[in-house]
Amino acid sequence: MTPSVRVLRWHYIAAAALVGHCAATSLNAGAWWYGTGLFIASLLFLVALARDITAANQICKTARAEAVRIERAARTRDWQARDRAALADWDPWLCCVPAFTSRGAEHDTTRCTRKDQAA
């Protein structure tokens, strides 16, 4: 949040308080039309403050979501690069996928040809 936004928000609050005070003074003096109008104006300042805060929160959520999307895309690219590097480093002596993923510790007995075992 920039300093100008903070100042604007404080001005909304101050204006609402001042106009609310004027509304109360007008109502006490018997000018209920002016008091009612000033009270409504005071509420409009508060509505403007609420809309400003809501819009700022929505912008922050959108920016956060975009940052998360970019980070996830970068992580996916990293994982794909690691997978490609692992496949490039695949040793031809491994005989099946479980042997590849467990670095030779496990074998798929239904498909394994046990090419890694010495004869």
PDB file of N, CA and C in Angstrom:
ATOM      1  N   MET A   1       0.852  -1.165   0.000  1.00  0.00           N
ATOM      2  CA  MET A   1       0.000   0.000   0.000  1.00  0.00           C
ATOM      3  C   MET A   1       0.902   1.233   0.000  1.00  0.00           C
ATOM      4  N   THR A   2       0.640   2.129  -0.903  1.00  0.00           N
ATOM      5  CA  THR A   2       1.454   3.327  -1.037  1.00  0.00           C
ATOM      6  C   THR A   2       1.047   4.368   0.011  1.00  0.00           C
ATOM      7  N   PRO A   3       1.944   5.309   0.300  1.00  0.00           N
ATOM      8  CA  PRO A   3       1.601   6.348   1.280  1.00  0.00           C
ATOM      9  C   PRO A   3       0.405   7.190   0.857  1.00  0.00           C
ATOM     10  N   SER A   4       0.252   7.440  -0.443  1.00  0.00           N
ATOM     11  CA  SER A   4      -0.885   8.245  -0.883  1.00  0.00           C
ATOM     12  C   SER A   4      -2.214   7.524  -0.629  1.00  0.00           C
ATOM     13  N   VAL A   5      -2.218   6.209  -0.725  1.00  0.00           N
ATOM     14  CA  VAL A   5      -3.442   5.444  -0.444  1.00  0.00           C
ATOM     15  C   VAL A   5      -3.760   5.528   1.047  1.00  0.00           C
ATOM     16  N   ARG A   6      -2.724   5.434   1.884  1.00  0.00           N
ATOM     17  CA  ARG A   6      -2.953   5.559   3.328  1.00  0.00           C
ATOM     18  C   ARG A   6      -3.535   6.926   3.673  1.00  0.00           C
ATOM     19  N   VAL A   7      -2.961   7.977   3.076  1.00  0.00           N
ATOM     20  CA  VAL A   7      -3.446   9.331   3.330  1.00  0.00           C
ATOM     21  C   VAL A   7      -4.899   9.468   2.879  1.00  0.00           C
ATOM     22  N   LEU A   8      -5.215   8.927   1.711  1.00  0.00           N
ATOM     23  CA  LEU A   8      -6.586   9.004   1.216  1.00  0.00           C
ATOM     24  C   LEU A   8      -7.550   8.287   2.151  1.00  0.00           C
ATOM     25  N   ARG A   9      -7.147   7.140   2.658  1.00  0.00           N
ATOM     26  CA  ARG A   9      -8.013   6.404   3.577  1.00  0.00           C
ATOM     27  C   ARG A   9      -8.239   7.180   4.870  1.00  0.00           C
ATOM     28  N   TRP A  10      -7.185   7.797   5.397  1.00  0.00           N
ATOM     29  CA  TRP A  10      -7.344   8.602   6.602  1.00  0.00           C
ATOM     30  C   TRP A  10      -8.229   9.815   6.331  1.00  0.00           C
ATOM     31  N   HIS A  11      -8.153  10.374   5.124  1.00  0.00           N
ATOM     32  CA  HIS A  11      -9.026  11.492   4.768  1.00  0.00           C
ATOM     33  C   HIS A  11     -10.492  11.044   4.692  1.00  0.00           C
ATOM     34  N   TYR A  12     -10.737   9.858   4.181  1.00  0.00           N
ATOM     35  CA  TYR A  12     -12.097   9.318   4.171  1.00  0.00           C
ATOM     36  C   TYR A  12     -12.644   9.238   5.600  1.00  0.00           C
ATOM     37  N   ILE A  13     -11.828   8.718   6.510  1.00  0.00           N
ATOM     38  CA  ILE A  13     -12.271   8.560   7.900  1.00  0.00           C
ATOM     39  C   ILE A  13     -12.501   9.923   8.542  1.00  0.00           C
ATOM     40  N   ALA A  14     -11.558  10.846   8.325  1.00  0.00           N
ATOM     41  CA  ALA A  14     -11.695  12.185   8.917  1.00  0.00           C
ATOM     42  C   ALA A  14     -12.920  12.907   8.352  1.00  0.00           C
ATOM     43  N   ALA A  15     -13.132  12.808   7.047  1.00  0.00           N
ATOM     44  CA  ALA A  15     -14.287  13.468   6.430  1.00  0.00           C
ATOM     45  C   ALA A  15     -15.589  12.858   6.945  1.00  0.00           C
ATOM     46  N   ALA A  16     -15.624  11.537   7.085  1.00  0.00           N
ATOM     47  CA  ALA A  16     -16.829  10.895   7.608  1.00  0.00           C
ATOM     48  C   ALA A  16     -17.102  11.344   9.037  1.00  0.00           C
ATOM     49  N   ALA A  17     -16.053  11.454   9.848  1.00  0.00           N
ATOM     50  CA  ALA A  17     -16.231  11.897  11.233  1.00  0.00           C
ATOM     51  C   ALA A  17     -16.695  13.351  11.291  1.00  0.00           C
ATOM     52  N   LEU A  18     -16.088  14.220  10.476  1.00  0.00           N
ATOM     53  CA  LEU A  18     -16.469  15.628  10.472  1.00  0.00           C
ATOM     54  C   LEU A  18     -17.906  15.826   9.995  1.00  0.00           C
ATOM     55  N   VAL A  19     -18.263  15.174   8.905  1.00  0.00           N
ATOM     56  CA  VAL A  19     -19.621  15.305   8.387  1.00  0.00           C
ATOM     57  C   VAL A  19     -20.619  14.661   9.357  1.00  0.00           C
ATOM     58  N   GLY A  20     -20.234  13.585  10.013  1.00  0.00           N
ATOM     59  CA  GLY A  20     -21.093  12.975  11.030  1.00  0.00           C
ATOM     60  C   GLY A  20     -21.316  13.912  12.209  1.00  0.00           C
ATOM     61  N   HIS A  21     -20.258  14.618  12.614  1.00  0.00           N
ATOM     62  CA  HIS A  21     -20.397  15.604  13.695  1.00  0.00           C
ATOM     63  C   HIS A  21     -21.337  16.729  13.272  1.00  0.00           C
ATOM     64  N   CYS A  22     -21.175  17.196  12.032  1.00  0.00           N
ATOM     65  CA  CYS A  22     -22.076  18.244  11.518  1.00  0.00           C
ATOM     66  C   CYS A  22     -23.518  17.746  11.466  1.00  0.00           C
ATOM     67  N   ALA A  23     -23.701  16.483  11.117  1.00  0.00           N
ATOM     68  CA  ALA A  23     -25.052  15.903  11.086  1.00  0.00           C
ATOM     69  C   ALA A  23     -25.647  15.879  12.485  1.00  0.00           C
ATOM     70  N   ALA A  24     -24.852  15.468  13.476  1.00  0.00           N
ATOM     71  CA  ALA A  24     -25.354  15.421  14.850  1.00  0.00           C
ATOM     72  C   ALA A  24     -25.689  16.823  15.350  1.00  0.00           C
ATOM     73  N   THR A  25     -24.844  17.798  15.031  1.00  0.00           N
ATOM     74  CA  THR A  25     -25.103  19.180  15.443  1.00  0.00           C
ATOM     75  C   THR A  25     -26.372  19.708  14.777  1.00  0.00           C
ATOM     76  N   SER A  26     -26.550  19.400  13.499  1.00  0.00           N
ATOM     77  CA  SER A  26     -27.755  19.853  12.795  1.00  0.00           C
ATOM     78  C   SER A  26     -29.012  19.213  13.382  1.00  0.00           C
ATOM     79  N   LEU A  27     -28.934  17.937  13.712  1.00  0.00           N
ATOM     80  CA  LEU A  27     -30.090  17.267  14.307  1.00  0.00           C
ATOM     81  C   LEU A  27     -30.419  17.850  15.675  1.00  0.00           C
ATOM     82  N   ASN A  28     -29.391  18.178  16.462  1.00  0.00           N
ATOM     83  CA  ASN A  28     -29.632  18.772  17.775  1.00  0.00           C
ATOM     84  C   ASN A  28     -30.216  20.177  17.658  1.00  0.00           C
ATOM     85  N   ALA A  29     -29.878  20.883  16.589  1.00  0.00           N
ATOM     86  CA  ALA A  29     -30.389  22.241  16.401  1.00  0.00           C
ATOM     87  C   ALA A  29     -31.795  22.236  15.810  1.00  0.00           C
ATOM     88  N   GLY A  30     -32.277  21.067  15.428  1.00  0.00           N
ATOM     89  CA  GLY A  30     -33.639  20.964  14.907  1.00  0.00           C
ATOM     90  C   GLY A  30     -33.723  20.973  13.388  1.00  0.00           C
ATOM     91  N   ALA A  31     -32.597  21.042  12.697  1.00  0.00           N
ATOM     92  CA  ALA A  31     -32.611  21.002  11.230  1.00  0.00           C
ATOM     93  C   ALA A  31     -32.447  19.553  10.795  1.00  0.00           C
ATOM     94  N   TRP A  32     -33.566  18.821  10.876  1.00  0.00           N
ATOM     95  CA  TRP A  32     -33.454  17.381  10.627  1.00  0.00           C
ATOM     96  C   TRP A  32     -33.201  17.062   9.166  1.00  0.00           C
ATOM     97  N   TRP A  33     -33.608  17.943   8.211  1.00  0.00           N
ATOM     98  CA  TRP A  33     -33.304  17.704   6.796  1.00  0.00           C
ATOM     99  C   TRP A  33     -31.797  17.770   6.561  1.00  0.00           C
ATOM    100  N   TYR A  34     -31.164  18.783   7.104  1.00  0.00           N
ATOM    101  CA  TYR A  34     -29.717  18.913   6.947  1.00  0.00           C
ATOM    102  C   TYR A  34     -28.993  17.775   7.670  1.00  0.00           C
ATOM    103  N   GLY A  35     -29.472  17.455   8.839  1.00  0.00           N
ATOM    104  CA  GLY A  35     -28.849  16.380   9.609  1.00  0.00           C
ATOM    105  C   GLY A  35     -28.921  15.047   8.892  1.00  0.00           C
ATOM    106  N   THR A  36     -30.089  14.770   8.319  1.00  0.00           N
ATOM    107  CA  THR A  36     -30.253  13.508   7.580  1.00  0.00           C
ATOM    108  C   THR A  36     -29.365  13.479   6.339  1.00  0.00           C
ATOM    109  N   GLY A  37     -29.321  14.602   5.616  1.00  0.00           N
ATOM    110  CA  GLY A  37     -28.471  14.674   4.417  1.00  0.00           C
ATOM    111  C   GLY A  37     -26.999  14.527   4.749  1.00  0.00           C
ATOM    112  N   LEU A  38     -26.565  15.180   5.824  1.00  0.00           N
ATOM    113  CA  LEU A  38     -25.161  15.066   6.230  1.00  0.00           C
ATOM    114  C   LEU A  38     -24.839  13.662   6.737  1.00  0.00           C
ATOM    115  N   PHE A  39     -25.806  13.043   7.412  1.00  0.00           N
ATOM    116  CA  PHE A  39     -25.597  11.667   7.868  1.00  0.00           C
ATOM    117  C   PHE A  39     -25.415  10.727   6.678  1.00  0.00           C
ATOM    118  N   ILE A  40     -26.229  10.902   5.638  1.00  0.00           N
ATOM    119  CA  ILE A  40     -26.103  10.086   4.426  1.00  0.00           C
ATOM    120  C   ILE A  40     -24.754  10.347   3.743  1.00  0.00           C
ATOM    121  N   ALA A  41     -24.327  11.623   3.720  1.00  0.00           N
ATOM    122  CA  ALA A  41     -23.014  11.949   3.141  1.00  0.00           C
ATOM    123  C   ALA A  41     -21.898  11.286   3.937  1.00  0.00           C
ATOM    124  N   SER A  42     -22.040  11.252   5.246  1.00  0.00           N
ATOM    125  CA  SER A  42     -21.046  10.582   6.094  1.00  0.00           C
ATOM    126  C   SER A  42     -20.976   9.093   5.768  1.00  0.00           C
ATOM    127  N   LEU A  43     -22.136   8.481   5.571  1.00  0.00           N
ATOM    128  CA  LEU A  43     -22.153   7.060   5.199  1.00  0.00           C
ATOM    129  C   LEU A  43     -21.510   6.828   3.835  1.00  0.00           C
ATOM    130  N   LEU A  44     -21.683   7.791   2.913  1.00  0.00           N
ATOM    131  CA  LEU A  44     -21.057   7.644   1.596  1.00  0.00           C
ATOM    132  C   LEU A  44     -19.538   7.656   1.686  1.00  0.00           C
ATOM    133  N   PHE A  45     -18.997   8.467   2.602  1.00  0.00           N
ATOM    134  CA  PHE A  45     -17.546   8.440   2.807  1.00  0.00           C
ATOM    135  C   PHE A  45     -17.094   7.067   3.309  1.00  0.00           C
ATOM    136  N   LEU A  46     -17.865   6.485   4.207  1.00  0.00           N
ATOM    137  CA  LEU A  46     -17.506   5.167   4.728  1.00  0.00           C
ATOM    138  C   LEU A  46     -17.644   4.083   3.662  1.00  0.00           C
ATOM    139  N   VAL A  47     -18.646   4.220   2.795  1.00  0.00           N
ATOM    140  CA  VAL A  47     -18.804   3.270   1.686  1.00  0.00           C
ATOM    141  C   VAL A  47     -17.618   3.398   0.729  1.00  0.00           C
ATOM    142  N   ALA A  48     -17.178   4.619   0.458  1.00  0.00           N
ATOM    143  CA  ALA A  48     -16.012   4.820  -0.408  1.00  0.00           C
ATOM    144  C   ALA A  48     -14.768   4.185   0.202  1.00  0.00           C
ATOM    145  N   LEU A  49     -14.614   4.308   1.508  1.00  0.00           N
ATOM    146  CA  LEU A  49     -13.482   3.679   2.195  1.00  0.00           C
ATOM    147  C   LEU A  49     -13.552   2.158   2.067  1.00  0.00           C
ATOM    148  N   ALA A  50     -14.729   1.598   2.279  1.00  0.00           N
ATOM    149  CA  ALA A  50     -14.880   0.144   2.175  1.00  0.00           C
ATOM    150  C   ALA A  50     -14.605  -0.347   0.759  1.00  0.00           C
ATOM    151  N   ARG A  51     -15.086   0.394  -0.248  1.00  0.00           N
ATOM    152  CA  ARG A  51     -14.829  -0.001  -1.640  1.00  0.00           C
ATOM    153  C   ARG A  51     -13.347   0.076  -1.974  1.00  0.00           C
ATOM    154  N   ASP A  52     -12.676   1.093  -1.453  1.00  0.00           N
ATOM    155  CA  ASP A  52     -11.242   1.240  -1.694  1.00  0.00           C
ATOM    156  C   ASP A  52     -10.473   0.071  -1.088  1.00  0.00           C
ATOM    157  N   ILE A  53     -10.821  -0.296   0.123  1.00  0.00           N
ATOM    158  CA  ILE A  53     -10.151  -1.415   0.784  1.00  0.00           C
ATOM    159  C   ILE A  53     -10.446  -2.721   0.048  1.00  0.00           C
ATOM    160  N   THR A  54     -11.686  -2.926  -0.364  1.00  0.00           N
ATOM    161  CA  THR A  54     -12.056  -4.143  -1.093  1.00  0.00           C
ATOM    162  C   THR A  54     -11.316  -4.237  -2.418  1.00  0.00           C
ATOM    163  N   ALA A  55     -11.236  -3.121  -3.149  1.00  0.00           N
ATOM    164  CA  ALA A  55     -10.522  -3.123  -4.430  1.00  0.00           C
ATOM    165  C   ALA A  55      -9.042  -3.413  -4.229  1.00  0.00           C
ATOM    166  N   ALA A  56      -8.446  -2.836  -3.191  1.00  0.00           N
ATOM    167  CA  ALA A  56      -7.028  -3.083  -2.917  1.00  0.00           C
ATOM    168  C   ALA A  56      -6.795  -4.545  -2.555  1.00  0.00           C
ATOM    169  N   ASN A  57      -7.703  -5.124  -1.769  1.00  0.00           N
ATOM    170  CA  ASN A  57      -7.570  -6.544  -1.414  1.00  0.00           C
ATOM    171  C   ASN A  57      -7.695  -7.430  -2.643  1.00  0.00           C
ATOM    172  N   GLN A  58      -8.593  -7.086  -3.554  1.00  0.00           N
ATOM    173  CA  GLN A  58      -8.758  -7.872  -4.775  1.00  0.00           C
ATOM    174  C   GLN A  58      -7.502  -7.792  -5.639  1.00  0.00           C
ATOM    175  N   ILE A  59      -6.906  -6.610  -5.726  1.00  0.00           N
ATOM    176  CA  ILE A  59      -5.667  -6.453  -6.497  1.00  0.00           C
ATOM    177  C   ILE A  59      -4.558  -7.282  -5.870  1.00  0.00           C
ATOM    178  N   CYS A  60      -4.478  -7.280  -4.537  1.00  0.00           N
ATOM    179  CA  CYS A  60      -3.453  -8.075  -3.855  1.00  0.00           C
ATOM    180  C   CYS A  60      -3.663  -9.570  -4.087  1.00  0.00           C
ATOM    181  N   LYS A  61      -4.919 -10.014  -4.027  1.00  0.00           N
ATOM    182  CA  LYS A  61      -5.205 -11.436  -4.269  1.00  0.00           C
ATOM    183  C   LYS A  61      -4.829 -11.831  -5.691  1.00  0.00           C
ATOM    184  N   THR A  62      -5.152 -10.970  -6.643  1.00  0.00           N
ATOM    185  CA  THR A  62      -4.820 -11.259  -8.039  1.00  0.00           C
ATOM    186  C   THR A  62      -3.316 -11.328  -8.233  1.00  0.00           C
ATOM    187  N   ALA A  63      -2.595 -10.376  -7.647  1.00  0.00           N
ATOM    188  CA  ALA A  63      -1.141 -10.376  -7.766  1.00  0.00           C
ATOM    189  C   ALA A  63      -0.537 -11.609  -7.103  1.00  0.00           C
ATOM    190  N   ARG A  64      -1.075 -11.990  -5.936  1.00  0.00           N
ATOM    191  CA  ARG A  64      -0.578 -13.180  -5.251  1.00  0.00           C
ATOM    192  C   ARG A  64      -0.838 -14.436  -6.068  1.00  0.00           C
ATOM    193  N   ALA A  65      -2.020 -14.532  -6.658  1.00  0.00           N
ATOM    194  CA  ALA A  65      -2.354 -15.700  -7.480  1.00  0.00           C
ATOM    195  C   ALA A  65      -1.448 -15.777  -8.702  1.00  0.00           C
ATOM    196  N   GLU A  66      -1.154 -14.643  -9.309  1.00  0.00           N
ATOM    197  CA  GLU A  66      -0.256 -14.623 -10.467  1.00  0.00           C
ATOM    198  C   GLU A  66       1.154 -15.042 -10.070  1.00  0.00           C
ATOM    199  N   ALA A  67       1.609 -14.579  -8.905  1.00  0.00           N
ATOM    200  CA  ALA A  67       2.936 -14.971  -8.431  1.00  0.00           C
ATOM    201  C   ALA A  67       3.011 -16.469  -8.163  1.00  0.00           C
ATOM    202  N   VAL A  68       1.952 -17.028  -7.590  1.00  0.00           N
ATOM    203  CA  VAL A  68       1.911 -18.472  -7.332  1.00  0.00           C
ATOM    204  C   VAL A  68       1.906 -19.243  -8.647  1.00  0.00           C
ATOM    205  N   ARG A  69       1.138 -18.762  -9.628  1.00  0.00           N
ATOM    206  CA  ARG A  69       1.095 -19.425 -10.937  1.00  0.00           C
ATOM    207  C   ARG A  69       2.465 -19.413 -11.594  1.00  0.00           C
ATOM    208  N   ILE A  70       3.157 -18.291 -11.529  1.00  0.00           N
ATOM    209  CA  ILE A  70       4.489 -18.191 -12.131  1.00  0.00           C
ATOM    210  C   ILE A  70       5.459 -19.117 -11.408  1.00  0.00           C
ATOM    211  N   GLU A  71       5.375 -19.164 -10.072  1.00  0.00           N
ATOM    212  CA  GLU A  71       6.274 -20.036  -9.312  1.00  0.00           C
ATOM    213  C   GLU A  71       6.017 -21.508  -9.624  1.00  0.00           C
ATOM    214  N   ARG A  72       4.748 -21.883  -9.729  1.00  0.00           N
ATOM    215  CA  ARG A  72       4.426 -23.278 -10.057  1.00  0.00           C
ATOM    216  C   ARG A  72       4.898 -23.639 -11.453  1.00  0.00           C
ATOM    217  N   ALA A  73       4.759 -22.709 -12.393  1.00  0.00           N
ATOM    218  CA  ALA A  73       5.241 -22.978 -13.751  1.00  0.00           C
ATOM    219  C   ALA A  73       6.758 -23.154 -13.754  1.00  0.00           C
ATOM    220  N   ALA A  74       7.454 -22.341 -12.978  1.00  0.00           N
ATOM    221  CA  ALA A  74       8.906 -22.469 -12.904  1.00  0.00           C
ATOM    222  C   ALA A  74       9.298 -23.797 -12.263  1.00  0.00           C
ATOM    223  N   ARG A  75       8.563 -24.191 -11.202  1.00  0.00           N
ATOM    224  CA  ARG A  75       8.859 -25.480 -10.570  1.00  0.00           C
ATOM    225  C   ARG A  75       8.613 -26.637 -11.517  1.00  0.00           C
ATOM    226  N   THR A  76       7.533 -26.550 -12.300  1.00  0.00           N
ATOM    227  CA  THR A  76       7.222 -27.606 -13.264  1.00  0.00           C
ATOM    228  C   THR A  76       8.335 -27.708 -14.296  1.00  0.00           C
ATOM    229  N   ARG A  77       8.814 -26.560 -14.763  1.00  0.00           N
ATOM    230  CA  ARG A  77       9.925 -26.592 -15.720  1.00  0.00           C
ATOM    231  C   ARG A  77      11.160 -27.212 -15.091  1.00  0.00           C
ATOM    232  N   ASP A  78      11.417 -26.905 -13.801  1.00  0.00           N
ATOM    233  CA  ASP A  78      12.566 -27.499 -13.114  1.00  0.00           C
ATOM    234  C   ASP A  78      12.416 -29.011 -12.996  1.00  0.00           C
ATOM    235  N   TRP A  79      11.198 -29.452 -12.638  1.00  0.00           N
ATOM    236  CA  TRP A  79      10.975 -30.894 -12.517  1.00  0.00           C
ATOM    237  C   TRP A  79      11.139 -31.579 -13.865  1.00  0.00           C
ATOM    238  N   GLN A  80      10.611 -30.977 -14.912  1.00  0.00           N
ATOM    239  CA  GLN A  80      10.757 -31.577 -16.233  1.00  0.00           C
ATOM    240  C   GLN A  80      12.221 -31.640 -16.635  1.00  0.00           C
ATOM    241  N   ALA A  81      12.978 -30.605 -16.329  1.00  0.00           N
ATOM    242  CA  ALA A  81      14.409 -30.609 -16.651  1.00  0.00           C
ATOM    243  C   ALA A  81      15.123 -31.703 -15.853  1.00  0.00           C
ATOM    244  N   ARG A  82      14.761 -31.868 -14.574  1.00  0.00           N
ATOM    245  CA  ARG A  82      15.383 -32.927 -13.777  1.00  0.00           C
ATOM    246  C   ARG A  82      15.030 -34.304 -14.312  1.00  0.00           C
ATOM    247  N   ASP A  83      13.766 -34.480 -14.731  1.00  0.00           N
ATOM    248  CA  ASP A  83      13.360 -35.771 -15.288  1.00  0.00           C
ATOM    249  C   ASP A  83      14.115 -36.060 -16.580  1.00  0.00           C
ATOM    250  N   ARG A  84      14.258 -35.034 -17.416  1.00  0.00           N
ATOM    251  CA  ARG A  84      15.014 -35.242 -18.659  1.00  0.00           C
ATOM    252  C   ARG A  84      16.464 -35.583 -18.365  1.00  0.00           C
ATOM    253  N   ALA A  85      17.046 -34.914 -17.367  1.00  0.00           N
ATOM    254  CA  ALA A  85      18.436 -35.205 -17.001  1.00  0.00           C
ATOM    255  C   ALA A  85      18.554 -36.623 -16.447  1.00  0.00           C
ATOM    256  N   ALA A  86      17.549 -37.054 -15.658  1.00  0.00           N
ATOM    257  CA  ALA A  86      17.588 -38.414 -15.114  1.00  0.00           C
ATOM    258  C   ALA A  86      17.472 -39.443 -16.224  1.00  0.00           C
ATOM    259  N   LEU A  87      16.613 -39.174 -17.197  1.00  0.00           N
ATOM    260  CA  LEU A  87      16.496 -40.116 -18.310  1.00  0.00           C
ATOM    261  C   LEU A  87      17.753 -40.114 -19.175  1.00  0.00           C
ATOM    262  N   ALA A  88      18.396 -38.960 -19.288  1.00  0.00           N
ATOM    263  CA  ALA A  88      19.641 -38.904 -20.066  1.00  0.00           C
ATOM    264  C   ALA A  88      20.751 -39.684 -19.369  1.00  0.00           C
ATOM    265  N   ASP A  89      20.699 -39.690 -18.023  1.00  0.00           N
ATOM    266  CA  ASP A  89      21.714 -40.420 -17.262  1.00  0.00           C
ATOM    267  C   ASP A  89      21.329 -41.873 -17.014  1.00  0.00           C
ATOM    268  N   TRP A  90      20.224 -42.332 -17.634  1.00  0.00           N
ATOM    269  CA  TRP A  90      19.749 -43.682 -17.407  1.00  0.00           C
ATOM    270  C   TRP A  90      20.793 -44.696 -17.838  1.00  0.00           C
ATOM    271  N   ASP A  91      21.080 -45.579 -16.940  1.00  0.00           N
ATOM    272  CA  ASP A  91      22.078 -46.606 -17.242  1.00  0.00           C
ATOM    273  C   ASP A  91      21.437 -47.728 -18.045  1.00  0.00           C
ATOM    274  N   PRO A  92      22.020 -48.099 -19.150  1.00  0.00           N
ATOM    275  CA  PRO A  92      21.429 -49.155 -19.973  1.00  0.00           C
ATOM    276  C   PRO A  92      21.446 -50.526 -19.300  1.00  0.00           C
ATOM    277  N   TRP A  93      22.213 -50.680 -18.223  1.00  0.00           N
ATOM    278  CA  TRP A  93      22.264 -51.990 -17.578  1.00  0.00           C
ATOM    279  C   TRP A  93      21.021 -52.268 -16.761  1.00  0.00           C
ATOM    280  N   LEU A  94      20.218 -51.207 -16.430  1.00  0.00           N
ATOM    281  CA  LEU A  94      19.001 -51.448 -15.666  1.00  0.00           C
ATOM    282  C   LEU A  94      17.964 -52.099 -16.572  1.00  0.00           C
ATOM    283  N   CYS A  95      17.253 -53.078 -16.062  1.00  0.00           N
ATOM    284  CA  CYS A  95      16.406 -53.911 -16.910  1.00  0.00           C
ATOM    285  C   CYS A  95      14.928 -53.569 -16.886  1.00  0.00           C
ATOM    286  N   CYS A  96      14.433 -52.803 -15.898  1.00  0.00           N
ATOM    287  CA  CYS A  96      13.014 -52.495 -15.837  1.00  0.00           C
ATOM    288  C   CYS A  96      12.819 -51.148 -15.139  1.00  0.00           C
ATOM    289  N   VAL A  97      11.592 -50.634 -15.181  1.00  0.00           N
ATOM    290  CA  VAL A  97      11.308 -49.314 -14.604  1.00  0.00           C
ATOM    291  C   VAL A  97      11.509 -49.297 -13.092  1.00  0.00           C
ATOM    292  N   PRO A  98      11.017 -50.294 -12.338  1.00  0.00           N
ATOM    293  CA  PRO A  98      11.296 -50.265 -10.897  1.00  0.00           C
ATOM    294  C   PRO A  98      12.793 -50.308 -10.604  1.00  0.00           C
ATOM    295  N   ALA A  99      13.542 -51.011 -11.442  1.00  0.00           N
ATOM    296  CA  ALA A  99      14.990 -51.019 -11.249  1.00  0.00           C
ATOM    297  C   ALA A  99      15.564 -49.626 -11.489  1.00  0.00           C
ATOM    298  N   PHE A 100      14.998 -48.907 -12.462  1.00  0.00           N
ATOM    299  CA  PHE A 100      15.459 -47.556 -12.746  1.00  0.00           C
ATOM    300  C   PHE A 100      15.119 -46.610 -11.595  1.00  0.00           C
ATOM    301  N   THR A 101      13.880 -46.686 -11.109  1.00  0.00           N
ATOM    302  CA  THR A 101      13.457 -45.756 -10.065  1.00  0.00           C
ATOM    303  C   THR A 101      14.083 -46.058  -8.715  1.00  0.00           C
ATOM    304  N   SER A 102      14.434 -47.314  -8.455  1.00  0.00           N
ATOM    305  CA  SER A 102      15.046 -47.659  -7.172  1.00  0.00           C
ATOM    306  C   SER A 102      16.555 -47.845  -7.290  1.00  0.00           C
ATOM    307  N   ARG A 103      17.113 -47.444  -8.435  1.00  0.00           N
ATOM    308  CA  ARG A 103      18.561 -47.554  -8.692  1.00  0.00           C
ATOM    309  C   ARG A 103      19.053 -49.004  -8.560  1.00  0.00           C
ATOM    310  N   GLY A 104      18.269 -49.905  -9.070  1.00  0.00           N
ATOM    311  CA  GLY A 104      18.675 -51.302  -9.126  1.00  0.00           C
ATOM    312  C   GLY A 104      18.290 -52.137  -7.925  1.00  0.00           C
ATOM    313  N   ALA A 105      17.632 -51.549  -6.932  1.00  0.00           N
ATOM    314  CA  ALA A 105      17.297 -52.294  -5.717  1.00  0.00           C
ATOM    315  C   ALA A 105      16.056 -53.160  -5.894  1.00  0.00           C
ATOM    316  N   GLU A 106      15.099 -52.740  -6.745  1.00  0.00           N
ATOM    317  CA  GLU A 106      13.862 -53.494  -6.931  1.00  0.00           C
ATOM    318  C   GLU A 106      13.736 -53.893  -8.401  1.00  0.00           C
ATOM    319  N   HIS A 107      12.994 -54.962  -8.623  1.00  0.00           N
ATOM    320  CA  HIS A 107      12.758 -55.418  -9.992  1.00  0.00           C
ATOM    321  C   HIS A 107      11.304 -55.846 -10.141  1.00  0.00           C
ATOM    322  N   ASP A 108      10.734 -55.614 -11.332  1.00  0.00           N
ATOM    323  CA  ASP A 108       9.395 -56.086 -11.662  1.00  0.00           C
ATOM    324  C   ASP A 108       9.565 -57.522 -12.142  1.00  0.00           C
ATOM    325  N   THR A 109       9.194 -58.474 -11.300  1.00  0.00           N
ATOM    326  CA  THR A 109       9.472 -59.877 -11.609  1.00  0.00           C
ATOM    327  C   THR A 109       8.680 -60.392 -12.798  1.00  0.00           C
ATOM    328  N   THR A 110       7.560 -59.749 -13.149  1.00  0.00           N
ATOM    329  CA  THR A 110       6.785 -60.232 -14.293  1.00  0.00           C
ATOM    330  C   THR A 110       7.410 -59.809 -15.615  1.00  0.00           C
ATOM    331  N   ARG A 111       8.115 -58.707 -15.633  1.00  0.00           N
ATOM    332  CA  ARG A 111       8.685 -58.216 -16.886  1.00  0.00           C
ATOM    333  C   ARG A 111      10.194 -58.145 -16.873  1.00  0.00           C
ATOM    334  N   CYS A 112      10.793 -58.310 -15.744  1.00  0.00           N
ATOM    335  CA  CYS A 112      12.230 -58.106 -15.595  1.00  0.00           C
ATOM    336  C   CYS A 112      13.006 -59.223 -16.280  1.00  0.00           C
ATOM    337  N   THR A 113      13.961 -58.846 -17.081  1.00  0.00           N
ATOM    338  CA  THR A 113      14.815 -59.828 -17.741  1.00  0.00           C
ATOM    339  C   THR A 113      16.116 -60.045 -16.970  1.00  0.00           C
ATOM    340  N   ARG A 114      16.293 -59.262 -15.922  1.00  0.00           N
ATOM    341  CA  ARG A 114      17.486 -59.331 -15.078  1.00  0.00           C
ATOM    342  C   ARG A 114      18.763 -59.195 -15.902  1.00  0.00           C
ATOM    343  N   LYS A 115      18.735 -58.220 -16.829  1.00  0.00           N
ATOM    344  CA  LYS A 115      19.932 -57.984 -17.632  1.00  0.00           C
ATOM    345  C   LYS A 115      21.049 -57.402 -16.791  1.00  0.00           C
ATOM    346  N   ASP A 116      20.720 -56.867 -15.620  1.00  0.00           N
ATOM    347  CA  ASP A 116      21.753 -56.267 -14.774  1.00  0.00           C
ATOM    348  C   ASP A 116      22.535 -57.304 -13.986  1.00  0.00           C
ATOM    349  N   GLN A 117      22.021 -58.522 -13.896  1.00  0.00           N
ATOM    350  CA  GLN A 117      22.685 -59.555 -13.136  1.00  0.00           C
ATOM    351  C   GLN A 117      23.786 -60.222 -13.982  1.00  0.00           C
ATOM    352  N   ALA A 118      24.886 -60.484 -13.356  1.00  0.00           N
ATOM    353  CA  ALA A 118      25.982 -61.155 -14.068  1.00  0.00           C
ATOM    354  C   ALA A 118      25.608 -62.616 -14.304  1.00  0.00           C
ATOM    355  N   ALA A 119      26.030 -63.122 -15.406  1.00  0.00           N
ATOM    356  CA  ALA A 119      25.666 -64.498 -15.756  1.00  0.00           C
ATOM    357  C   ALA A 119      26.479 -65.513 -15.008  1.00  0.00           C
TER     358      ALA A 119
END
